[in-house]
C-alpha atoms as a PDB file:
ATOM      1  CA  MET A   1     136.868 185.969 134.258  1.00  0.00           C
ATOM      2  CA  VAL A   2     137.800 188.268 131.359  1.00  0.00           C
ATOM      3  CA  ARG A   3     135.860 187.269 128.226  1.00  0.00           C
ATOM      4  CA  LEU A   4     136.641 188.904 124.862  1.00  0.00           C
ATOM      5  CA  HIS A   5     134.027 188.498 122.250  1.00  0.00           C
ATOM      6  CA  LEU A   6     133.402 190.219 118.954  1.00  0.00           C
ATOM      7  CA  HIS A   7     130.519 192.147 120.531  1.00  0.00           C
ATOM      8  CA  ASP A   8     133.011 193.652 123.064  1.00  0.00           C
ATOM      9  CA  ASP A   9     133.923 195.702 120.098  1.00  0.00           C
ATOM     10  CA  ARG A  10     136.357 198.481 120.955  1.00  0.00           C
ATOM     11  CA  PRO A  11     139.635 196.496 120.883  1.00  0.00           C
ATOM     12  CA  VAL A  12     138.433 194.284 118.015  1.00  0.00           C
ATOM     13  CA  ARG A  13     137.145 197.289 115.973  1.00  0.00           C
ATOM     14  CA  SER A  14     140.408 199.112 116.509  1.00  0.00           C
ATOM     15  CA  LEU A  15     142.472 195.994 115.323  1.00  0.00           C
ATOM     16  CA  LYS A  16     140.136 195.537 112.274  1.00  0.00           C
ATOM     17  CA  ALA A  17     140.531 199.186 111.369  1.00  0.00           C
ATOM     18  CA  LYS A  18     144.312 198.777 111.298  1.00  0.00           C
ATOM     19  CA  ILE A  19     144.017 195.567 109.229  1.00  0.00           C
ATOM     20  CA  ARG A  20     141.610 197.346 106.834  1.00  0.00           C
ATOM     21  CA  ALA A  21     143.992 200.157 106.411  1.00  0.00           C
ATOM     22  CA  LEU A  22     146.893 197.869 105.450  1.00  0.00           C
ATOM     23  CA  THR A  23     144.929 195.581 103.243  1.00  0.00           C
ATOM     24  CA  HIS A  24     142.930 197.912 101.000  1.00  0.00           C
ATOM     25  CA  LYS A  25     142.182 196.338  97.570  1.00  0.00           C
ATOM     26  CA  THR A  26     143.979 199.192  95.724  1.00  0.00           C
ATOM     27  CA  SER A  27     147.018 199.197  98.041  1.00  0.00           C
ATOM     28  CA  GLN A  28     150.290 199.505  96.276  1.00  0.00           C
ATOM     29  CA  GLN A  29     152.390 198.576  99.273  1.00  0.00           C
ATOM     30  CA  ASP A  30     154.866 195.771  98.950  1.00  0.00           C
ATOM     31  CA  LEU A  31     153.273 192.457 100.144  1.00  0.00           C
ATOM     32  CA  ALA A  32     156.358 191.734 102.313  1.00  0.00           C
ATOM     33  CA  TYR A  33     155.899 195.053 104.158  1.00  0.00           C
ATOM     34  CA  VAL A  34     152.120 194.432 104.585  1.00  0.00           C
ATOM     35  CA  LEU A  35     152.745 190.925 106.000  1.00  0.00           C
ATOM     36  CA  THR A  36     155.550 192.245 108.311  1.00  0.00           C
ATOM     37  CA  ARG A  37     153.356 195.120 109.613  1.00  0.00           C
ATOM     38  CA  LEU A  38     150.320 192.804 110.060  1.00  0.00           C
ATOM     39  CA  GLY A  39     152.534 190.365 111.954  1.00  0.00           C
ATOM     40  CA  GLN A  40     153.722 193.142 114.286  1.00  0.00           C
ATOM     41  CA  ILE A  41     150.270 194.459 114.951  1.00  0.00           C
ATOM     42  CA  MET A  42     148.679 191.062 115.379  1.00  0.00           C
ATOM     43  CA  ARG A  43     151.421 189.642 117.563  1.00  0.00           C
ATOM     44  CA  GLY A  44     151.191 192.613 119.914  1.00  0.00           C
ATOM     45  CA  TRP A  45     147.418 192.330 120.107  1.00  0.00           C
ATOM     46  CA  ALA A  46     147.587 188.634 120.685  1.00  0.00           C
ATOM     47  CA  MET A  47     150.260 188.917 123.444  1.00  0.00           C
ATOM     48  CA  TYR A  48     148.080 191.450 125.208  1.00  0.00           C
ATOM     49  CA  PHE A  49     144.826 189.454 125.023  1.00  0.00           C
ATOM     50  CA  ARG A  50     146.212 185.923 125.244  1.00  0.00           C
ATOM     51  CA  HIS A  51     145.231 185.789 128.928  1.00  0.00           C
ATOM     52  CA  ALA A  52     141.610 186.491 128.125  1.00  0.00           C
ATOM     53  CA  VAL A  53     139.161 183.867 126.908  1.00  0.00           C
ATOM     54  CA  ALA A  54     139.884 184.947 123.323  1.00  0.00           C
ATOM     55  CA  LYS A  55     140.452 181.834 121.265  1.00  0.00           C
ATOM     56  CA  HIS A  56     137.239 182.252 119.225  1.00  0.00           C
ATOM     57  CA  THR A  57     137.996 185.906 118.650  1.00  0.00           C
ATOM     58  CA  PHE A  58     141.532 184.964 117.520  1.00  0.00           C
ATOM     59  CA  SER A  59     140.078 182.534 115.042  1.00  0.00           C
ATOM     60  CA  LYS A  60     137.577 185.092 113.700  1.00  0.00           C
ATOM     61  CA  LEU A  61     140.379 187.741 113.322  1.00  0.00           C
ATOM     62  CA  ASP A  62     142.645 185.241 111.602  1.00  0.00           C
ATOM     63  CA  SER A  63     139.948 184.414 109.115  1.00  0.00           C
ATOM     64  CA  PHE A  64     139.112 188.063 108.621  1.00  0.00           C
ATOM     65  CA  THR A  65     142.724 189.036 107.928  1.00  0.00           C
ATOM     66  CA  PHE A  66     143.341 186.063 105.644  1.00  0.00           C
ATOM     67  CA  TRP A  67     140.423 186.951 103.475  1.00  0.00           C
ATOM     68  CA  ARG A  68     141.313 190.645 103.435  1.00  0.00           C
ATOM     69  CA  LEU A  69     144.757 189.670 102.094  1.00  0.00           C
ATOM     70  CA  ALA A  70     143.143 187.203  99.543  1.00  0.00           C
ATOM     71  CA  HIS A  71     140.887 189.974  98.214  1.00  0.00           C
ATOM     72  CA  MET A  72     143.745 192.362  98.057  1.00  0.00           C
ATOM     73  CA  LEU A  73     145.835 189.927  96.055  1.00  0.00           C
ATOM     74  CA  ARG A  74     142.961 189.143  93.678  1.00  0.00           C
ATOM     75  CA  ALA A  75     142.381 192.806  92.939  1.00  0.00           C
ATOM     76  CA  ARG A  76     146.089 193.560  92.607  1.00  0.00           C
ATOM     77  CA  HIS A  77     146.873 190.716  90.197  1.00  0.00           C
ATOM     78  CA  GLY A  78     143.497 190.329  88.504  1.00  0.00           C
ATOM     79  CA  TRP A  79     143.279 186.672  89.582  1.00  0.00           C
ATOM     80  CA  ASN A  80     140.074 184.723  89.715  1.00  0.00           C
ATOM     81  CA  TRP A  81     139.493 182.340  92.583  1.00  0.00           C
ATOM     82  CA  GLY A  82     141.225 179.389  90.771  1.00  0.00           C
ATOM     83  CA  GLN A  83     144.352 181.423  90.134  1.00  0.00           C
ATOM     84  CA  LEU A  84     144.386 182.719  93.715  1.00  0.00           C
ATOM     85  CA  ARG A  85     144.209 179.130  94.960  1.00  0.00           C
ATOM     86  CA  ARG A  86     146.930 177.969  92.723  1.00  0.00           C
ATOM     87  CA  HIS A  87     149.233 180.849  93.821  1.00  0.00           C
ATOM     88  CA  LEU A  88     148.486 180.610  97.563  1.00  0.00           C
ATOM     89  CA  THR A  89     148.505 176.753  97.996  1.00  0.00           C
ATOM     90  CA  ALA A  90     151.796 175.485  99.480  1.00  0.00           C
ATOM     91  CA  ALA A  91     153.374 172.104  98.627  1.00  0.00           C
ATOM     92  CA  THR A  92     151.619 170.574 101.650  1.00  0.00           C
ATOM     93  CA  GLY A  93     148.195 171.539 100.061  1.00  0.00           C
ATOM     94  CA  ARG A  94     147.508 174.272 102.781  1.00  0.00           C
ATOM     95  CA  TRP A  95     146.841 177.833 101.912  1.00  0.00           C
ATOM     96  CA  GLN A  96     149.777 180.078 102.676  1.00  0.00           C
ATOM     97  CA  ILE A  97     150.397 183.753 102.046  1.00  0.00           C
ATOM     98  CA  ALA A  98     154.124 184.641 101.952  1.00  0.00           C
ATOM     99  CA  ALA A  99     156.389 187.113 100.199  1.00  0.00           C
ATOM    100  CA  ASP A 100     160.218 187.385 100.306  1.00  0.00           C
ATOM    101  CA  GLY A 101     160.425 184.883 103.186  1.00  0.00           C
ATOM    102  CA  VAL A 102     157.746 186.704 105.322  1.00  0.00           C
ATOM    103  CA  LYS A 103     154.817 184.544 106.115  1.00  0.00           C
ATOM    104  CA  PHE A 104     151.296 185.584 107.151  1.00  0.00           C
ATOM    105  CA  PHE A 105     151.149 185.328 110.916  1.00  0.00           C
ATOM    106  CA  ARG A 106     148.247 183.194 112.030  1.00  0.00           C
ATOM    107  CA  ILE A 107     146.942 184.838 115.174  1.00  0.00           C
ATOM    108  CA  GLU A 108     144.861 181.721 115.961  1.00  0.00           C
ATOM    109  CA  SER A 109     148.083 179.884 116.496  1.00  0.00           C
ATOM    110  CA  VAL A 110     148.799 181.919 119.719  1.00  0.00           C
ATOM    111  CA  THR A 111     148.275 179.804 122.802  1.00  0.00           C
ATOM    112  CA  VAL A 112     145.628 181.155 125.078  1.00  0.00           C
ATOM    113  CA  SER A 113     146.540 180.652 128.740  1.00  0.00           C
ATOM    114  CA  ARG A 114     144.955 181.658 131.994  1.00  0.00           C
ATOM    115  CA  TYR A 115     146.797 183.380 134.794  1.00  0.00           C
ATOM    116  CA  ALA A 116     147.715 180.851 137.404  1.00  0.00           C
ATOM    117  CA  TYR A 117     146.065 181.496 140.741  1.00  0.00           C
ATOM    118  CA  ARG A 118     148.865 182.319 143.150  1.00  0.00           C
ATOM    119  CA  GLY A 119     146.784 183.009 146.292  1.00  0.00           C
ATOM    120  CA  THR A 120     148.999 182.808 149.405  1.00  0.00           C
ATOM    121  CA  LYS A 121     152.229 182.421 147.375  1.00  0.00           C
ATOM    122  CA  ILE A 122     152.294 186.174 146.641  1.00  0.00           C
ATOM    123  CA  PRO A 123     154.696 187.702 149.115  1.00  0.00           C
ATOM    124  CA  SER A 124     153.228 190.414 151.349  1.00  0.00           C
ATOM    125  CA  PRO A 125     154.829 193.821 150.975  1.00  0.00           C
ATOM    126  CA  TRP A 126     154.062 194.629 154.651  1.00  0.00           C
ATOM    127  CA  PRO A 127     156.120 193.528 157.614  1.00  0.00           C
ATOM    128  CA  THR A 128     154.597 190.796 159.761  1.00  0.00           C
ATOM    129  CA  ALA A 129     152.754 191.896 162.914  1.00  0.00           C
ATOM    130  CA  ASN A 130     154.857 189.834 165.371  1.00  0.00           C
ATOM    131  CA  PRO A 131     158.476 189.571 164.012  1.00  0.00           C
ATOM    132  CA  ALA A 132     159.478 187.410 166.983  1.00  0.00           C
END
């Protein structure tokens, strides 16, 4: 069983480094671009690791990325926490980061599924011993 935890750190550290590079507090990049690029990176990472036992790691990475974006927006706009909450709360009352129609991709929303055991259903690439 493949188990991916935060202490199995190479893939997680690599992803976090990419997230940090995109969400630096003094970044002048357009928020829509940052959200698009984060979505691409995180979707690819999630599709690769969705067959591992990675739900807890996805949740941690989702939280890490959300707060990196929140800190970036606070620094960029000079908002305090109340202003940040007012700007990032959707009509439903949930926090939501979006710009120009691009929403923050929640990596924890990716369904984690195990490979189904196929056992004897896998066709053999070799010819049978007695083709009679």
